[in-house]
N, C-alpha and C. Protein backbone atom coordinates (compact mmCIF):
# COMPACT_ATOMS: atom_id res chain seq x y z
N MET A 1 4.97 15.39 -44.03
CA MET A 1 4.41 15.31 -42.58
C MET A 1 4.44 13.63 -42.33
N THR A 2 4.89 13.24 -41.27
CA THR A 2 4.51 12.03 -40.67
C THR A 2 3.23 11.63 -39.92
N LYS A 3 2.69 10.59 -40.42
CA LYS A 3 1.23 10.49 -39.90
C LYS A 3 1.26 9.22 -38.86
N LYS A 4 0.94 9.54 -37.59
CA LYS A 4 0.93 8.51 -36.70
C LYS A 4 -0.38 8.50 -36.03
N ILE A 5 -0.89 7.04 -35.86
CA ILE A 5 -2.19 6.75 -35.35
C ILE A 5 -2.03 6.09 -33.83
N PHE A 6 -2.54 6.60 -32.83
CA PHE A 6 -2.71 6.24 -31.61
C PHE A 6 -3.94 5.59 -31.52
N SER A 7 -4.26 4.33 -30.82
CA SER A 7 -5.55 3.88 -30.84
C SER A 7 -5.71 3.34 -29.38
N SER A 8 -6.80 3.59 -28.77
CA SER A 8 -7.45 3.24 -27.32
C SER A 8 -6.40 3.96 -26.11
N VAL A 9 -6.60 5.13 -26.73
CA VAL A 9 -6.26 5.91 -25.82
C VAL A 9 -7.00 6.81 -24.77
N PRO A 10 -7.03 6.46 -23.48
CA PRO A 10 -7.99 6.99 -22.54
C PRO A 10 -8.01 8.56 -22.53
N SER A 11 -9.32 8.85 -22.22
CA SER A 11 -9.71 10.20 -22.25
C SER A 11 -8.99 10.93 -21.18
N GLY A 12 -8.37 11.97 -21.62
CA GLY A 12 -7.70 12.77 -20.83
C GLY A 12 -6.07 12.57 -20.93
N PHE A 13 -5.54 11.62 -21.62
CA PHE A 13 -4.13 11.55 -21.81
C PHE A 13 -3.66 11.99 -22.99
N GLU A 14 -4.56 12.47 -23.99
CA GLU A 14 -3.99 12.84 -25.23
C GLU A 14 -2.93 14.13 -25.10
N PRO A 15 -3.31 15.14 -24.18
CA PRO A 15 -2.21 16.35 -24.28
C PRO A 15 -1.01 15.77 -23.52
N PHE A 16 -0.93 14.43 -22.90
CA PHE A 16 0.36 14.05 -22.52
C PHE A 16 1.15 13.30 -23.73
N ILE A 17 0.36 12.62 -24.59
CA ILE A 17 1.09 11.91 -25.98
C ILE A 17 1.31 13.22 -26.88
N LEU A 18 0.47 14.03 -26.94
CA LEU A 18 0.47 15.17 -28.00
C LEU A 18 1.90 15.95 -27.32
N ALA A 19 2.05 16.22 -26.13
CA ALA A 19 3.20 17.00 -25.59
C ALA A 19 4.73 16.16 -25.93
N ARG A 20 4.53 15.02 -25.86
CA ARG A 20 5.88 14.23 -26.09
C ARG A 20 5.98 14.04 -27.45
N GLU A 21 5.03 14.08 -28.67
CA GLU A 21 5.50 14.17 -29.98
C GLU A 21 5.77 15.28 -30.61
N ALA A 22 5.23 16.59 -29.78
CA ALA A 22 5.29 17.97 -30.23
C ALA A 22 6.99 18.13 -29.93
N SER A 23 7.55 17.53 -28.98
CA SER A 23 8.92 17.68 -28.40
C SER A 23 9.91 17.10 -29.44
N LYS A 24 9.36 16.73 -30.57
CA LYS A 24 10.19 16.10 -31.61
C LYS A 24 9.90 16.92 -32.97
N GLY A 25 8.97 17.87 -32.91
CA GLY A 25 8.67 18.56 -34.11
C GLY A 25 7.18 19.03 -34.18
N GLY A 26 6.83 19.94 -35.11
CA GLY A 26 5.61 20.49 -35.21
C GLY A 26 4.59 19.36 -35.45
N LEU A 27 3.61 19.84 -35.17
CA LEU A 27 2.39 18.80 -34.77
C LEU A 27 1.24 19.24 -34.96
N LEU A 28 0.20 18.38 -35.80
CA LEU A 28 -1.12 18.91 -36.12
C LEU A 28 -1.88 17.60 -35.74
N TYR A 29 -2.83 18.26 -34.71
CA TYR A 29 -3.90 17.18 -34.21
C TYR A 29 -5.25 17.38 -34.62
N VAL A 30 -5.80 16.27 -35.03
CA VAL A 30 -7.08 16.42 -35.64
C VAL A 30 -8.19 15.88 -34.86
N ALA A 31 -8.95 16.61 -33.98
CA ALA A 31 -9.77 16.05 -32.97
C ALA A 31 -11.16 15.68 -33.65
N SER A 32 -11.80 14.82 -33.13
CA SER A 32 -13.32 14.42 -33.81
C SER A 32 -14.26 15.42 -33.74
N ASN A 33 -14.22 16.52 -32.95
CA ASN A 33 -15.23 17.45 -32.89
C ASN A 33 -14.62 18.61 -32.02
N GLU A 34 -15.55 19.59 -32.12
CA GLU A 34 -15.26 20.89 -31.21
C GLU A 34 -14.90 20.78 -29.96
N ASN A 35 -15.79 19.96 -29.09
CA ASN A 35 -15.61 19.71 -27.75
C ASN A 35 -14.25 18.97 -27.25
N GLN A 36 -14.13 18.24 -28.29
CA GLN A 36 -12.53 17.38 -27.97
C GLN A 36 -11.76 18.23 -28.22
N MET A 37 -11.61 19.08 -29.33
CA MET A 37 -10.41 20.17 -29.44
C MET A 37 -10.26 21.11 -28.16
N ASP A 38 -11.36 21.60 -27.79
CA ASP A 38 -11.58 22.34 -26.58
C ASP A 38 -10.66 22.03 -25.56
N PHE A 39 -11.00 20.56 -25.02
CA PHE A 39 -10.68 19.94 -24.13
C PHE A 39 -9.17 19.79 -24.04
N VAL A 40 -8.86 19.27 -25.20
CA VAL A 40 -7.00 19.20 -25.24
C VAL A 40 -6.59 20.49 -25.19
N ALA A 41 -7.06 21.47 -25.74
CA ALA A 41 -6.52 23.04 -25.69
C ALA A 41 -6.45 23.53 -24.29
N LYS A 42 -7.35 23.11 -23.49
CA LYS A 42 -7.25 23.64 -21.95
C LYS A 42 -6.36 22.69 -21.39
N LEU A 43 -6.17 21.54 -21.65
CA LEU A 43 -5.19 20.45 -20.93
C LEU A 43 -3.75 20.92 -21.21
N LEU A 44 -3.61 21.06 -22.34
CA LEU A 44 -2.14 21.06 -23.09
C LEU A 44 -1.31 22.11 -22.02
N PRO A 45 -1.70 23.28 -21.79
CA PRO A 45 -0.84 24.21 -21.24
C PRO A 45 -0.45 24.07 -19.79
N LEU A 46 -1.58 23.17 -19.00
CA LEU A 46 -1.24 22.49 -17.85
C LEU A 46 -0.35 21.58 -17.87
N VAL A 47 -0.27 20.61 -18.88
CA VAL A 47 0.48 19.25 -18.99
C VAL A 47 1.96 20.07 -19.37
N ALA A 48 1.83 20.73 -20.49
CA ALA A 48 3.21 20.96 -20.98
C ALA A 48 3.02 22.51 -21.34
N PRO A 49 3.57 23.27 -20.38
CA PRO A 49 3.52 24.90 -20.44
C PRO A 49 4.33 25.52 -21.61
N LYS A 50 5.22 24.67 -21.96
CA LYS A 50 6.25 25.23 -22.84
C LYS A 50 5.96 25.08 -24.50
N ILE A 51 4.74 24.26 -24.45
CA ILE A 51 4.17 23.86 -25.79
C ILE A 51 3.37 25.18 -26.28
N GLN A 52 3.51 25.44 -27.60
CA GLN A 52 2.63 26.60 -28.10
C GLN A 52 1.56 26.09 -28.92
N VAL A 53 0.25 26.42 -28.48
CA VAL A 53 -0.72 25.95 -29.34
C VAL A 53 -1.55 26.91 -30.18
N PHE A 54 -1.77 26.36 -31.30
CA PHE A 54 -2.71 27.18 -32.18
C PHE A 54 -3.78 26.33 -32.51
N SER A 55 -5.13 27.26 -32.66
CA SER A 55 -6.57 26.30 -32.91
C SER A 55 -6.80 26.84 -34.14
N TYR A 56 -7.30 25.68 -35.03
CA TYR A 56 -7.91 26.05 -36.22
C TYR A 56 -9.53 25.45 -36.21
N PRO A 57 -10.20 26.48 -35.67
CA PRO A 57 -11.73 26.08 -35.27
C PRO A 57 -12.72 25.92 -36.69
N ASN A 58 -13.58 25.17 -36.48
CA ASN A 58 -14.65 25.03 -37.46
C ASN A 58 -15.44 26.34 -37.55
N TRP A 59 -15.98 26.48 -38.77
CA TRP A 59 -17.15 27.76 -38.74
C TRP A 59 -18.16 27.52 -37.80
N ASP A 60 -18.68 28.72 -37.48
CA ASP A 60 -19.77 28.59 -36.56
C ASP A 60 -21.26 28.96 -37.37
N THR A 61 -21.20 28.38 -38.59
CA THR A 61 -22.27 28.68 -39.47
C THR A 61 -22.38 27.21 -40.07
N VAL A 62 -23.70 26.90 -40.82
CA VAL A 62 -23.82 25.61 -41.55
C VAL A 62 -23.70 25.78 -43.03
N PRO A 63 -23.67 24.67 -43.80
CA PRO A 63 -23.52 24.86 -45.42
C PRO A 63 -24.77 25.68 -45.75
N TYR A 64 -24.52 26.35 -46.84
CA TYR A 64 -25.63 27.28 -47.30
C TYR A 64 -26.26 28.17 -46.70
N ASP A 65 -25.62 28.58 -45.45
CA ASP A 65 -26.24 29.56 -44.55
C ASP A 65 -25.95 30.82 -45.09
N ARG A 66 -26.94 31.93 -44.80
CA ARG A 66 -26.55 33.11 -45.45
C ARG A 66 -25.82 34.21 -45.06
N ILE A 67 -25.44 33.84 -43.83
CA ILE A 67 -24.53 34.48 -42.76
C ILE A 67 -23.06 34.17 -42.90
N SER A 68 -22.07 35.11 -42.85
CA SER A 68 -20.54 34.33 -42.67
C SER A 68 -20.41 34.18 -41.48
N PRO A 69 -19.34 33.37 -41.33
CA PRO A 69 -18.73 32.81 -40.16
C PRO A 69 -18.16 34.30 -39.15
N SER A 70 -18.19 34.12 -38.05
CA SER A 70 -17.79 35.29 -37.11
C SER A 70 -16.36 35.58 -37.47
N ALA A 71 -16.20 36.93 -37.25
CA ALA A 71 -15.01 37.72 -37.29
C ALA A 71 -13.88 37.01 -36.56
N ASP A 72 -14.15 36.66 -35.15
CA ASP A 72 -13.16 36.03 -34.26
C ASP A 72 -12.76 34.56 -34.86
N ILE A 73 -13.89 33.92 -35.37
CA ILE A 73 -13.41 32.39 -36.03
C ILE A 73 -12.37 32.55 -37.21
N ILE A 74 -12.90 33.62 -38.20
CA ILE A 74 -11.98 33.62 -39.26
C ILE A 74 -10.53 34.37 -39.13
N GLY A 75 -10.55 35.43 -37.67
CA GLY A 75 -9.38 35.67 -37.53
C GLY A 75 -8.14 34.69 -36.94
N GLU A 76 -8.93 33.88 -35.97
CA GLU A 76 -8.29 32.62 -35.51
C GLU A 76 -7.75 31.78 -36.58
N GLN A 77 -8.51 31.45 -37.44
CA GLN A 77 -8.11 30.50 -38.57
C GLN A 77 -6.93 31.14 -39.67
N ILE A 78 -7.06 32.29 -39.73
CA ILE A 78 -5.82 33.10 -40.54
C ILE A 78 -4.74 33.07 -39.63
N ALA A 79 -4.77 33.67 -38.43
CA ALA A 79 -3.48 33.36 -37.49
C ALA A 79 -2.84 31.94 -37.55
N THR A 80 -3.68 31.17 -37.53
CA THR A 80 -3.07 29.78 -37.39
C THR A 80 -2.51 29.29 -38.65
N LEU A 81 -3.40 29.79 -40.03
CA LEU A 81 -2.68 29.37 -41.13
C LEU A 81 -1.48 29.98 -41.36
N THR A 82 -1.05 31.25 -40.84
CA THR A 82 0.19 31.84 -41.04
C THR A 82 1.45 31.03 -40.38
N GLN A 83 0.89 30.49 -39.60
CA GLN A 83 1.95 29.73 -38.73
C GLN A 83 2.52 28.38 -39.38
N LEU A 84 1.65 27.73 -40.21
CA LEU A 84 1.75 26.56 -40.71
C LEU A 84 3.19 26.20 -41.46
N PRO A 85 3.47 27.16 -42.42
CA PRO A 85 4.56 27.07 -43.04
C PRO A 85 5.78 27.00 -42.20
N GLN A 86 5.89 27.80 -40.98
CA GLN A 86 7.18 27.50 -40.14
C GLN A 86 6.82 26.84 -38.81
N LEU A 87 5.81 25.90 -38.91
CA LEU A 87 5.51 25.20 -37.64
C LEU A 87 6.87 24.48 -37.37
N SER A 88 7.17 24.52 -36.02
CA SER A 88 8.46 23.92 -35.73
C SER A 88 8.10 22.91 -34.39
N LYS A 89 9.18 22.56 -33.74
CA LYS A 89 9.19 21.83 -32.64
C LYS A 89 8.72 22.56 -31.45
N ASN A 90 7.99 21.95 -30.61
CA ASN A 90 7.09 22.20 -29.38
C ASN A 90 6.21 23.35 -29.84
N GLN A 91 5.53 23.23 -31.13
CA GLN A 91 4.28 23.73 -31.64
C GLN A 91 3.28 22.79 -31.92
N ILE A 92 2.12 22.89 -31.70
CA ILE A 92 0.78 22.17 -32.09
C ILE A 92 -0.15 22.80 -32.61
N VAL A 93 -0.88 22.51 -33.90
CA VAL A 93 -2.20 22.97 -34.29
C VAL A 93 -3.23 21.98 -34.14
N LEU A 94 -4.23 22.56 -33.48
CA LEU A 94 -5.49 21.63 -33.08
C LEU A 94 -6.36 22.09 -34.12
N THR A 95 -7.11 21.06 -34.69
CA THR A 95 -8.21 21.36 -35.40
C THR A 95 -9.22 20.16 -35.44
N THR A 96 -10.37 20.23 -36.28
CA THR A 96 -11.51 19.20 -36.06
C THR A 96 -11.53 18.54 -37.57
N VAL A 97 -12.09 17.49 -37.67
CA VAL A 97 -12.34 16.77 -39.06
C VAL A 97 -13.23 17.84 -40.02
N SER A 98 -14.24 18.52 -39.23
CA SER A 98 -15.12 19.22 -40.16
C SER A 98 -14.37 20.41 -40.52
N ALA A 99 -13.22 21.13 -39.55
CA ALA A 99 -12.47 22.26 -40.13
C ALA A 99 -11.44 22.01 -41.20
N LEU A 100 -10.90 20.67 -40.93
CA LEU A 100 -10.13 20.02 -41.96
C LEU A 100 -10.59 19.94 -43.40
N MET A 101 -12.06 19.88 -43.51
CA MET A 101 -12.68 19.66 -45.06
C MET A 101 -12.78 20.88 -45.85
N GLN A 102 -12.75 21.88 -44.80
CA GLN A 102 -12.90 23.21 -45.57
C GLN A 102 -11.70 23.60 -46.54
N ARG A 103 -12.40 24.39 -47.59
CA ARG A 103 -11.19 24.73 -48.36
C ARG A 103 -10.33 26.05 -47.80
N ILE A 104 -9.24 25.95 -47.99
CA ILE A 104 -8.43 27.11 -47.66
C ILE A 104 -7.85 27.87 -48.80
N PRO A 105 -7.08 29.18 -48.49
CA PRO A 105 -6.54 29.68 -49.58
C PRO A 105 -5.24 29.06 -49.91
N PRO A 106 -4.57 29.26 -50.92
CA PRO A 106 -3.29 28.59 -51.33
C PRO A 106 -2.40 29.27 -50.23
N LYS A 107 -1.03 28.41 -49.90
CA LYS A 107 -0.22 29.06 -49.08
C LYS A 107 0.71 30.15 -49.38
N GLU A 108 0.84 30.55 -50.83
CA GLU A 108 1.09 31.67 -51.39
C GLU A 108 0.51 33.05 -51.07
N VAL A 109 -0.99 32.80 -51.03
CA VAL A 109 -1.72 33.94 -50.69
C VAL A 109 -1.68 34.38 -49.00
N ILE A 110 -1.46 33.06 -48.35
CA ILE A 110 -1.53 33.71 -46.92
C ILE A 110 -0.15 34.28 -46.61
N ILE A 111 0.82 33.88 -47.22
CA ILE A 111 2.23 34.20 -47.03
C ILE A 111 2.38 35.77 -47.63
N ASN A 112 1.99 36.05 -48.86
CA ASN A 112 2.03 37.26 -49.38
C ASN A 112 1.44 38.43 -48.98
N ASN A 113 0.18 38.15 -48.29
CA ASN A 113 -0.58 39.17 -48.12
C ASN A 113 -0.36 39.45 -46.41
N THR A 114 0.65 39.90 -46.01
CA THR A 114 1.13 40.40 -44.74
C THR A 114 1.80 41.86 -44.72
N LEU A 115 1.74 42.50 -43.83
CA LEU A 115 2.20 43.82 -43.61
C LEU A 115 2.89 43.79 -42.12
N THR A 116 4.31 44.03 -42.24
CA THR A 116 4.97 44.06 -40.90
C THR A 116 5.16 45.81 -40.71
N LEU A 117 4.55 46.03 -39.55
CA LEU A 117 4.81 47.21 -39.07
C LEU A 117 5.79 47.52 -37.75
N LYS A 118 6.65 48.31 -37.57
CA LYS A 118 7.89 48.59 -36.76
C LYS A 118 7.85 49.79 -36.24
N VAL A 119 7.94 50.15 -35.05
CA VAL A 119 7.85 51.36 -34.45
C VAL A 119 9.02 52.17 -34.97
N GLY A 120 8.79 53.46 -35.61
CA GLY A 120 10.00 54.11 -35.94
C GLY A 120 9.60 53.96 -37.60
N GLN A 121 9.00 53.06 -38.18
CA GLN A 121 8.80 52.94 -39.44
C GLN A 121 8.05 54.11 -39.89
N SER A 122 8.18 54.52 -41.30
CA SER A 122 7.35 55.55 -42.04
C SER A 122 6.60 54.86 -42.99
N ILE A 123 5.32 54.87 -43.15
CA ILE A 123 4.12 54.41 -43.74
C ILE A 123 3.16 55.23 -43.94
N PRO A 124 2.76 55.66 -45.18
CA PRO A 124 1.59 56.52 -45.52
C PRO A 124 0.47 55.89 -44.98
N MET A 125 -0.49 56.82 -44.32
CA MET A 125 -1.77 56.48 -43.65
C MET A 125 -2.66 55.82 -44.75
N ALA A 126 -2.43 56.39 -45.89
CA ALA A 126 -3.57 55.84 -46.92
C ALA A 126 -3.03 54.50 -47.46
N GLN A 127 -1.79 53.94 -47.44
CA GLN A 127 -1.41 52.70 -47.64
C GLN A 127 -1.74 51.69 -46.58
N LEU A 128 -1.75 52.15 -45.34
CA LEU A 128 -2.20 51.34 -44.13
C LEU A 128 -3.40 51.16 -44.50
N THR A 129 -4.48 51.91 -44.54
CA THR A 129 -5.79 51.75 -44.41
C THR A 129 -6.39 50.90 -45.87
N HIS A 130 -5.60 51.03 -46.86
CA HIS A 130 -5.82 50.49 -48.27
C HIS A 130 -5.58 49.02 -47.99
N PHE A 131 -4.39 48.61 -47.19
CA PHE A 131 -4.23 47.31 -46.93
C PHE A 131 -5.15 46.44 -45.97
N LEU A 132 -5.42 47.41 -45.05
CA LEU A 132 -6.64 46.73 -44.11
C LEU A 132 -7.77 46.61 -44.75
N SER A 133 -8.48 47.48 -45.78
CA SER A 133 -9.54 47.22 -46.20
C SER A 133 -9.60 46.14 -47.51
N GLN A 134 -8.16 46.09 -48.06
CA GLN A 134 -8.22 45.02 -49.05
C GLN A 134 -7.99 43.62 -48.46
N ASN A 135 -7.68 43.49 -46.96
CA ASN A 135 -7.55 42.07 -46.50
C ASN A 135 -8.58 41.90 -45.47
N GLY A 136 -9.92 42.60 -45.96
CA GLY A 136 -10.95 42.12 -45.06
C GLY A 136 -11.23 42.64 -43.43
N TYR A 137 -10.67 43.84 -43.46
CA TYR A 137 -10.95 44.49 -42.13
C TYR A 137 -12.09 45.57 -42.56
N HIS A 138 -12.67 45.62 -41.59
CA HIS A 138 -14.01 46.62 -41.75
C HIS A 138 -13.75 48.05 -40.64
N SER A 139 -13.83 49.11 -41.61
CA SER A 139 -13.63 50.53 -40.80
C SER A 139 -14.85 50.87 -40.08
N THR A 140 -14.71 51.17 -38.68
CA THR A 140 -15.60 51.39 -37.73
C THR A 140 -15.23 52.72 -36.90
N ASP A 141 -16.27 53.26 -36.33
CA ASP A 141 -15.71 54.44 -35.24
C ASP A 141 -15.05 53.98 -34.30
N VAL A 142 -15.36 52.88 -33.42
CA VAL A 142 -14.70 52.17 -32.34
C VAL A 142 -14.42 50.71 -32.73
N VAL A 143 -13.30 50.23 -32.29
CA VAL A 143 -13.00 48.64 -32.52
C VAL A 143 -13.56 48.03 -31.54
N ALA A 144 -14.28 46.85 -31.83
CA ALA A 144 -14.76 45.94 -30.77
C ALA A 144 -14.38 44.49 -30.85
N THR A 145 -14.44 44.05 -32.20
CA THR A 145 -14.28 42.92 -32.41
C THR A 145 -13.15 42.65 -33.49
N SER A 146 -12.44 41.42 -33.64
CA SER A 146 -11.56 41.19 -34.57
C SER A 146 -11.72 41.40 -35.84
N GLY A 147 -10.86 42.10 -36.60
CA GLY A 147 -11.01 42.28 -38.02
C GLY A 147 -11.40 43.74 -38.20
N GLU A 148 -11.50 44.47 -37.21
CA GLU A 148 -12.08 45.91 -37.21
C GLU A 148 -10.95 47.06 -37.36
N PHE A 149 -11.03 48.28 -37.83
CA PHE A 149 -10.24 49.27 -37.48
C PHE A 149 -10.88 50.54 -37.50
N ALA A 150 -10.14 51.38 -37.10
CA ALA A 150 -10.73 53.00 -36.70
C ALA A 150 -9.57 53.98 -36.83
N VAL A 151 -9.98 54.98 -37.47
CA VAL A 151 -9.00 55.92 -37.68
C VAL A 151 -9.33 57.42 -37.06
N ARG A 152 -8.59 57.91 -36.22
CA ARG A 152 -8.96 58.95 -35.55
C ARG A 152 -7.89 60.02 -35.65
N GLY A 153 -7.78 60.84 -36.60
CA GLY A 153 -6.37 61.68 -36.78
C GLY A 153 -5.55 60.90 -37.07
N GLU A 154 -4.36 61.14 -36.38
CA GLU A 154 -3.18 60.17 -36.47
C GLU A 154 -3.18 59.01 -35.62
N ILE A 155 -4.29 58.71 -35.21
CA ILE A 155 -4.26 57.04 -34.37
C ILE A 155 -5.09 56.38 -35.23
N VAL A 156 -4.72 55.16 -35.45
CA VAL A 156 -5.33 53.91 -35.94
C VAL A 156 -5.38 52.92 -34.85
N ASP A 157 -6.60 52.45 -34.55
CA ASP A 157 -6.75 51.11 -33.69
C ASP A 157 -7.21 50.19 -34.81
N ILE A 158 -6.61 48.95 -34.56
CA ILE A 158 -6.85 47.86 -35.18
C ILE A 158 -7.02 46.65 -34.20
N TYR A 159 -7.92 45.59 -34.78
CA TYR A 159 -8.20 44.62 -33.86
C TYR A 159 -7.52 43.31 -34.69
N PRO A 160 -6.12 42.95 -34.94
CA PRO A 160 -5.67 42.00 -35.78
C PRO A 160 -6.32 40.75 -35.55
N ALA A 161 -6.16 39.90 -36.53
CA ALA A 161 -6.41 38.32 -36.44
C ALA A 161 -5.68 37.59 -35.39
N GLY A 162 -6.46 37.02 -34.32
CA GLY A 162 -5.78 36.24 -33.59
C GLY A 162 -5.46 36.89 -32.36
N PHE A 163 -5.49 38.23 -32.30
CA PHE A 163 -5.37 38.87 -30.80
C PHE A 163 -6.28 38.98 -29.98
N SER A 164 -6.07 38.83 -28.83
CA SER A 164 -7.01 38.93 -27.60
C SER A 164 -7.40 40.33 -27.47
N ASN A 165 -6.62 41.35 -27.79
CA ASN A 165 -6.73 42.60 -27.56
C ASN A 165 -6.23 43.49 -28.85
N PRO A 166 -6.96 44.51 -29.04
CA PRO A 166 -6.81 45.36 -30.22
C PRO A 166 -5.48 46.20 -29.95
N VAL A 167 -4.90 46.93 -30.94
CA VAL A 167 -3.77 47.61 -31.03
C VAL A 167 -3.89 49.07 -31.38
N ARG A 168 -3.28 50.05 -30.69
CA ARG A 168 -3.29 51.59 -31.06
C ARG A 168 -2.13 51.88 -31.83
N LEU A 169 -2.02 52.43 -33.03
CA LEU A 169 -0.82 52.93 -33.52
C LEU A 169 -0.96 54.37 -33.56
N ASP A 170 0.08 55.13 -32.95
CA ASP A 170 0.03 56.55 -32.73
C ASP A 170 1.39 57.01 -33.63
N PHE A 171 0.73 57.86 -34.91
CA PHE A 171 1.54 58.47 -35.80
C PHE A 171 1.94 59.79 -35.72
N PHE A 172 3.09 60.28 -36.20
CA PHE A 172 3.56 61.58 -36.35
C PHE A 172 3.75 61.66 -37.99
N ASP A 173 2.84 62.35 -38.54
CA ASP A 173 2.95 62.66 -40.01
C ASP A 173 2.91 60.94 -40.63
N ASP A 174 3.84 60.65 -41.25
CA ASP A 174 3.90 59.30 -41.70
C ASP A 174 4.84 58.29 -40.90
N GLU A 175 5.28 58.78 -39.69
CA GLU A 175 6.23 58.05 -38.78
C GLU A 175 5.26 57.28 -37.88
N LEU A 176 5.62 55.98 -37.65
CA LEU A 176 4.83 55.14 -36.50
C LEU A 176 5.64 55.29 -35.23
N GLU A 177 5.14 56.21 -34.22
CA GLU A 177 5.82 56.54 -33.09
C GLU A 177 5.62 55.52 -32.31
N THR A 178 4.49 54.94 -31.76
CA THR A 178 4.03 53.88 -30.82
C THR A 178 3.08 52.83 -31.44
N MET A 179 3.20 51.56 -30.59
CA MET A 179 2.19 50.86 -30.83
C MET A 179 1.87 50.10 -29.42
N LYS A 180 0.46 50.14 -29.06
CA LYS A 180 0.09 49.68 -27.65
C LYS A 180 -1.14 48.84 -27.76
N LEU A 181 -1.09 47.76 -27.03
CA LEU A 181 -2.16 47.02 -26.80
C LEU A 181 -3.22 47.81 -25.69
N PHE A 182 -4.51 47.57 -26.02
CA PHE A 182 -5.42 48.29 -25.27
C PHE A 182 -6.69 47.63 -25.09
N ASN A 183 -7.46 47.82 -24.09
CA ASN A 183 -8.60 47.20 -23.70
C ASN A 183 -9.82 47.89 -24.36
N PRO A 184 -10.66 47.07 -25.30
CA PRO A 184 -11.54 47.92 -26.01
C PRO A 184 -12.83 48.29 -25.23
N ALA A 185 -12.78 47.83 -23.88
CA ALA A 185 -14.07 48.38 -23.19
C ALA A 185 -13.76 49.53 -22.39
N THR A 186 -12.44 49.81 -21.96
CA THR A 186 -11.79 50.94 -21.08
C THR A 186 -11.25 51.71 -21.72
N GLN A 187 -10.72 51.29 -23.02
CA GLN A 187 -9.89 52.10 -23.94
C GLN A 187 -8.41 52.44 -23.11
N ARG A 188 -7.94 51.51 -22.04
CA ARG A 188 -6.73 51.75 -21.54
C ARG A 188 -5.73 51.13 -22.13
N THR A 189 -4.37 51.52 -22.44
CA THR A 189 -3.62 50.72 -22.94
C THR A 189 -2.74 49.75 -21.66
N ASN A 190 -2.36 48.77 -22.15
CA ASN A 190 -2.13 47.50 -21.31
C ASN A 190 -0.49 46.76 -21.79
N GLY A 191 0.10 47.44 -22.60
CA GLY A 191 1.36 46.88 -23.16
C GLY A 191 1.83 47.35 -24.45
N ASN A 192 3.07 47.66 -24.54
CA ASN A 192 3.65 47.99 -25.83
C ASN A 192 4.24 47.04 -26.67
N LEU A 193 4.07 47.44 -28.07
CA LEU A 193 4.77 46.44 -29.03
C LEU A 193 5.72 47.26 -29.76
N SER A 194 6.76 46.32 -30.32
CA SER A 194 7.93 47.26 -31.14
C SER A 194 7.54 46.65 -32.63
N GLU A 195 6.77 45.44 -32.90
CA GLU A 195 6.66 44.90 -34.30
C GLU A 195 5.19 44.21 -34.24
N LEU A 196 4.32 44.61 -35.47
CA LEU A 196 3.09 43.99 -35.51
C LEU A 196 2.93 43.57 -37.13
N ILE A 197 2.71 42.24 -36.94
CA ILE A 197 2.54 41.54 -38.39
C ILE A 197 0.97 41.45 -38.56
N LEU A 198 0.39 42.15 -39.64
CA LEU A 198 -0.84 42.21 -39.95
C LEU A 198 -1.23 41.24 -41.17
N ARG A 199 -2.22 40.50 -41.07
CA ARG A 199 -2.62 39.35 -41.88
C ARG A 199 -3.92 39.74 -42.59
């Protein structure tokens, strides 16, 4: 990856420079802190709507803290890490100095620990729930946050990493009949999926 340094860039002009550079190839932008990263993330879609932005945020905990980072943070990190090997033109990863200093799993671990689901596919329920449990998903009665799943008969609700809404899988025996996004507050479905990649 080629490193470029731009100095004396006026505040607010970063998205314009990033959009121009991302049009030449995949880009990693390291902000000085979370506020700067959020500022750029909000402006980029306005400046360059065609640019796809991925965020790799810092943990919301401090070193030696006894609690783990939130599921939302970990989910967003994993979703972004899976994009890095195929990062291409018009795609930008935003992160911070602090987040960049954290240790991450080897690339092979991220790539090999995925499960692709497609409508019409046959997959035993036990295999699916085993994968979810082995990859850090928590079994609950009702999914509410990223990293949770719930099984009710032949329906499996999953809140995948990096998704803004959970997904409802409807099975008939071992066949995956439908996959739909749904609102966790109202439980109403709001979109169909033909493919889902779980990480």
